[in-house]
Amino acid sequence: MHKTIKRIIQAILFVLIIGAFIYIGTRDFSDKIEVDNEKFDHEYHNVDKDNVFKYANASQVYSILKGGSGIIFMGYPSNEWTGYYANILNAVAKELNIKEILYYDFSEDRSNANATYQSIVLRLTSYLPTLDDGTQNIYAPTLVIVKNGAIISYDNETAISLGNIKPEVYWNDLNIGLKKSNLRLMLNDYLNS
């Protein structure tokens, strides 16, 4: 009799587990999956949900730098300068009807110094600052525009700030206007080449 109760409990648990798998398998989780522009909006609150940013990993960025074409914006959410730059870049891209800018959050790759990140650094070596110890790294925010593997534009104007200036002070109307003009030239060059 003891074995019979044990088998009944096992059968009930088996049916419940199968039922749980069926329930989980038929649920629609699509409302919880964020698309790239929504995820970007959550990470950068000053950039609206209607943005052009698409997440890319180090391999995708390296592939473009090696022989592809694309607009690559590099940064990471804890860098307060990245959000300000992204907001300006997004506005100009939408104005020029650019549908996609690849976004590469390189913070973890840089801290791990993984091989693909190091390959990206080597591709960008002539554009990156060199520290006193001879090391080079990517700093946020950085914009790289590539056409057929050739870098046609590179901008890291605010990646290394001088002095103690905060981004909300630096990005006044004059500097925003100048940056928008510069970005228009860079992006139009990409579109027209």
Protein backbone atom coordinates (compact mmCIF):
# COMPACT_ATOMS: atom_id res chain seq x y z
CA MET A 1 0.00 0.00 0.00
CA HIS A 2 2.88 2.35 0.78
CA LYS A 3 4.29 1.80 -2.74
CA THR A 4 0.88 2.53 -4.27
CA ILE A 5 0.65 5.94 -2.56
CA LYS A 6 4.19 6.73 -3.61
CA ARG A 7 3.38 5.88 -7.27
CA ILE A 8 0.18 7.95 -7.17
CA ILE A 9 2.12 10.97 -5.85
CA GLN A 10 4.77 10.46 -8.55
CA ALA A 11 2.09 10.27 -11.24
CA ILE A 12 0.41 13.44 -9.98
CA LEU A 13 3.78 15.28 -9.90
CA PHE A 14 4.58 14.03 -13.39
CA VAL A 15 1.23 15.32 -14.73
CA LEU A 16 1.75 18.67 -12.97
CA ILE A 17 5.25 19.04 -14.43
CA ILE A 18 4.03 18.20 -17.94
CA GLY A 19 1.17 20.67 -17.48
CA ALA A 20 3.61 23.36 -16.37
CA PHE A 21 5.80 22.77 -19.43
CA ILE A 22 2.77 22.99 -21.71
CA TYR A 23 1.60 26.18 -20.01
CA ILE A 24 5.02 27.83 -20.21
CA GLY A 25 5.49 26.69 -23.81
CA THR A 26 2.22 28.22 -24.99
CA ARG A 27 2.57 31.57 -23.19
CA ASP A 28 3.26 34.65 -25.27
CA PHE A 29 6.35 36.35 -23.87
CA SER A 30 6.59 38.91 -26.69
CA ASP A 31 5.39 41.75 -24.47
CA LYS A 32 8.46 41.27 -22.27
CA ILE A 33 11.02 41.23 -25.07
CA GLU A 34 12.38 44.70 -25.70
CA VAL A 35 13.34 45.81 -29.16
CA ASP A 36 16.65 47.64 -29.45
CA ASN A 37 15.26 51.17 -29.53
CA GLU A 38 13.19 50.54 -26.38
CA LYS A 39 16.17 49.02 -24.59
CA PHE A 40 18.28 52.01 -25.62
CA ASP A 41 15.58 54.36 -24.32
CA HIS A 42 15.68 52.60 -20.93
CA GLU A 43 19.47 52.83 -20.72
CA TYR A 44 19.65 56.44 -21.92
CA HIS A 45 16.74 58.43 -20.54
CA ASN A 46 17.49 61.57 -22.53
CA VAL A 47 17.09 59.64 -25.82
CA ASP A 48 13.48 58.95 -26.74
CA LYS A 49 11.99 55.58 -27.64
CA ASP A 50 11.81 56.59 -31.30
CA ASN A 51 15.55 56.21 -31.87
CA VAL A 52 17.73 54.62 -34.54
CA PHE A 53 20.07 52.59 -32.34
CA LYS A 54 20.52 48.85 -32.86
CA TYR A 55 22.70 46.85 -30.48
CA ALA A 56 25.83 45.24 -31.89
CA ASN A 57 28.46 43.05 -30.31
CA ALA A 58 32.24 43.23 -30.71
CA SER A 59 32.29 40.67 -33.54
CA GLN A 60 29.76 42.64 -35.58
CA VAL A 61 31.70 45.88 -35.04
CA TYR A 62 34.98 44.24 -36.00
CA SER A 63 33.40 42.77 -39.13
CA ILE A 64 32.32 46.23 -40.28
CA LEU A 65 35.71 47.74 -39.48
CA LYS A 66 37.41 44.94 -41.39
CA GLY A 67 35.47 45.32 -44.64
CA GLY A 68 31.88 46.41 -44.18
CA SER A 69 29.93 49.64 -44.05
CA GLY A 70 28.03 51.19 -41.20
CA ILE A 71 27.67 53.87 -38.58
CA ILE A 72 28.93 52.68 -35.20
CA PHE A 73 28.29 54.53 -31.97
CA MET A 74 30.31 53.30 -28.99
CA GLY A 75 29.63 54.02 -25.35
CA TYR A 76 28.10 52.63 -22.20
CA PRO A 77 25.25 53.69 -19.91
CA SER A 78 27.33 54.61 -16.86
CA ASN A 79 29.20 57.20 -18.91
CA GLU A 80 27.09 60.36 -18.60
CA TRP A 81 28.55 61.89 -21.79
CA THR A 82 27.27 59.01 -23.92
CA GLY A 83 23.59 59.84 -23.44
CA TYR A 84 24.03 63.49 -24.40
CA TYR A 85 25.96 62.60 -27.55
CA ALA A 86 23.46 59.86 -28.44
CA ASN A 87 20.57 62.31 -28.19
CA ILE A 88 22.24 64.73 -30.62
CA LEU A 89 23.28 61.93 -32.98
CA ASN A 90 19.77 60.45 -32.96
CA ALA A 91 18.21 63.83 -33.85
CA VAL A 92 20.54 64.34 -36.82
CA ALA A 93 20.17 60.74 -38.02
CA LYS A 94 16.38 61.01 -38.01
CA GLU A 95 16.59 64.37 -39.80
CA LEU A 96 18.65 62.69 -42.55
CA ASN A 97 16.33 59.65 -42.63
CA ILE A 98 19.02 57.25 -41.38
CA LYS A 99 17.22 54.17 -40.12
CA GLU A 100 19.99 52.43 -38.18
CA ILE A 101 23.09 53.23 -36.18
CA LEU A 102 24.87 50.34 -34.54
CA TYR A 103 25.44 50.77 -30.82
CA TYR A 104 28.33 48.95 -29.18
CA ASP A 105 28.49 48.93 -25.37
CA PHE A 106 32.18 48.13 -25.01
CA SER A 107 32.58 48.52 -21.23
CA GLU A 108 32.64 44.81 -20.38
CA ASP A 109 34.80 43.92 -23.38
CA ARG A 110 37.31 46.63 -22.46
CA SER A 111 37.48 45.56 -18.80
CA ASN A 112 38.01 41.93 -19.88
CA ALA A 113 40.38 42.98 -22.68
CA ASN A 114 38.94 40.21 -24.83
CA ALA A 115 40.52 39.39 -28.17
CA THR A 116 37.78 40.89 -30.34
CA TYR A 117 37.89 44.18 -28.42
CA GLN A 118 41.69 44.22 -28.83
CA SER A 119 41.22 43.65 -32.58
CA ILE A 120 38.88 46.66 -32.73
CA VAL A 121 41.48 48.75 -30.88
CA LEU A 122 44.12 47.68 -33.41
CA ARG A 123 41.83 48.70 -36.30
CA LEU A 124 41.34 52.12 -34.67
CA THR A 125 44.92 52.56 -33.46
CA SER A 126 45.64 55.71 -35.49
CA TYR A 127 42.55 57.41 -34.03
CA LEU A 128 42.88 56.46 -30.37
CA PRO A 129 44.75 58.40 -27.70
CA THR A 130 47.90 56.72 -26.42
CA LEU A 131 48.50 56.88 -22.69
CA ASP A 132 51.91 57.42 -21.11
CA ASP A 133 52.35 53.68 -20.66
CA GLY A 134 51.73 53.12 -24.39
CA THR A 135 48.28 51.58 -24.03
CA GLN A 136 45.33 52.47 -26.19
CA ASN A 137 41.63 52.03 -25.49
CA ILE A 138 38.29 53.17 -26.82
CA TYR A 139 36.67 55.89 -24.74
CA ALA A 140 33.02 56.88 -24.60
CA PRO A 141 31.36 58.34 -26.53
CA THR A 142 32.94 57.53 -29.88
CA LEU A 143 31.41 57.58 -33.35
CA VAL A 144 33.01 55.68 -36.23
CA ILE A 145 31.63 55.78 -39.77
CA VAL A 146 32.90 53.08 -42.10
CA LYS A 147 32.41 52.62 -45.83
CA ASN A 148 33.69 49.40 -47.43
CA GLY A 149 36.13 48.84 -44.56
CA ALA A 150 37.56 52.36 -44.71
CA ILE A 151 36.98 54.74 -41.82
CA ILE A 152 35.60 57.89 -43.43
CA SER A 153 34.73 59.71 -40.18
CA TYR A 154 35.76 59.39 -36.56
CA ASP A 155 34.60 61.52 -33.64
CA ASN A 156 35.49 61.22 -29.98
CA GLU A 157 35.33 64.93 -29.13
CA THR A 158 33.92 64.43 -25.64
CA ALA A 159 35.42 61.01 -24.91
CA ILE A 160 38.24 62.55 -22.89
CA SER A 161 37.04 65.68 -21.14
CA LEU A 162 39.35 68.48 -20.21
CA GLY A 163 38.84 69.94 -16.78
CA ASN A 164 35.89 69.35 -14.52
CA ILE A 165 33.12 70.32 -16.92
CA LYS A 166 29.85 68.41 -16.73
CA PRO A 167 28.03 67.32 -19.90
CA GLU A 168 24.94 69.37 -19.07
CA VAL A 169 27.16 72.49 -19.00
CA TYR A 170 29.25 71.58 -22.05
CA TRP A 171 26.25 70.76 -24.23
CA ASN A 172 24.85 74.29 -24.41
CA ASP A 173 22.94 75.56 -27.45
CA LEU A 174 26.12 76.68 -29.23
CA ASN A 175 27.96 73.35 -28.82
CA ILE A 176 24.84 71.36 -29.71
CA GLY A 177 24.44 73.43 -32.89
CA LEU A 178 28.10 72.95 -33.82
CA LYS A 179 27.93 69.20 -33.17
CA LYS A 180 24.75 68.86 -35.24
CA SER A 181 26.41 70.67 -38.15
CA ASN A 182 29.49 68.46 -37.89
CA LEU A 183 27.38 65.29 -37.68
CA ARG A 184 25.32 66.37 -40.71
CA LEU A 185 28.53 66.68 -42.73
CA MET A 186 29.84 63.30 -41.53
CA LEU A 187 26.57 61.45 -42.10
CA ASN A 188 25.92 63.08 -45.48
CA ASP A 189 29.42 62.08 -46.55
CA TYR A 190 28.53 58.49 -45.63
CA LEU A 191 25.19 58.62 -47.45
CA ASN A 192 26.66 60.17 -50.59
CA SER A 193 29.83 58.10 -50.92
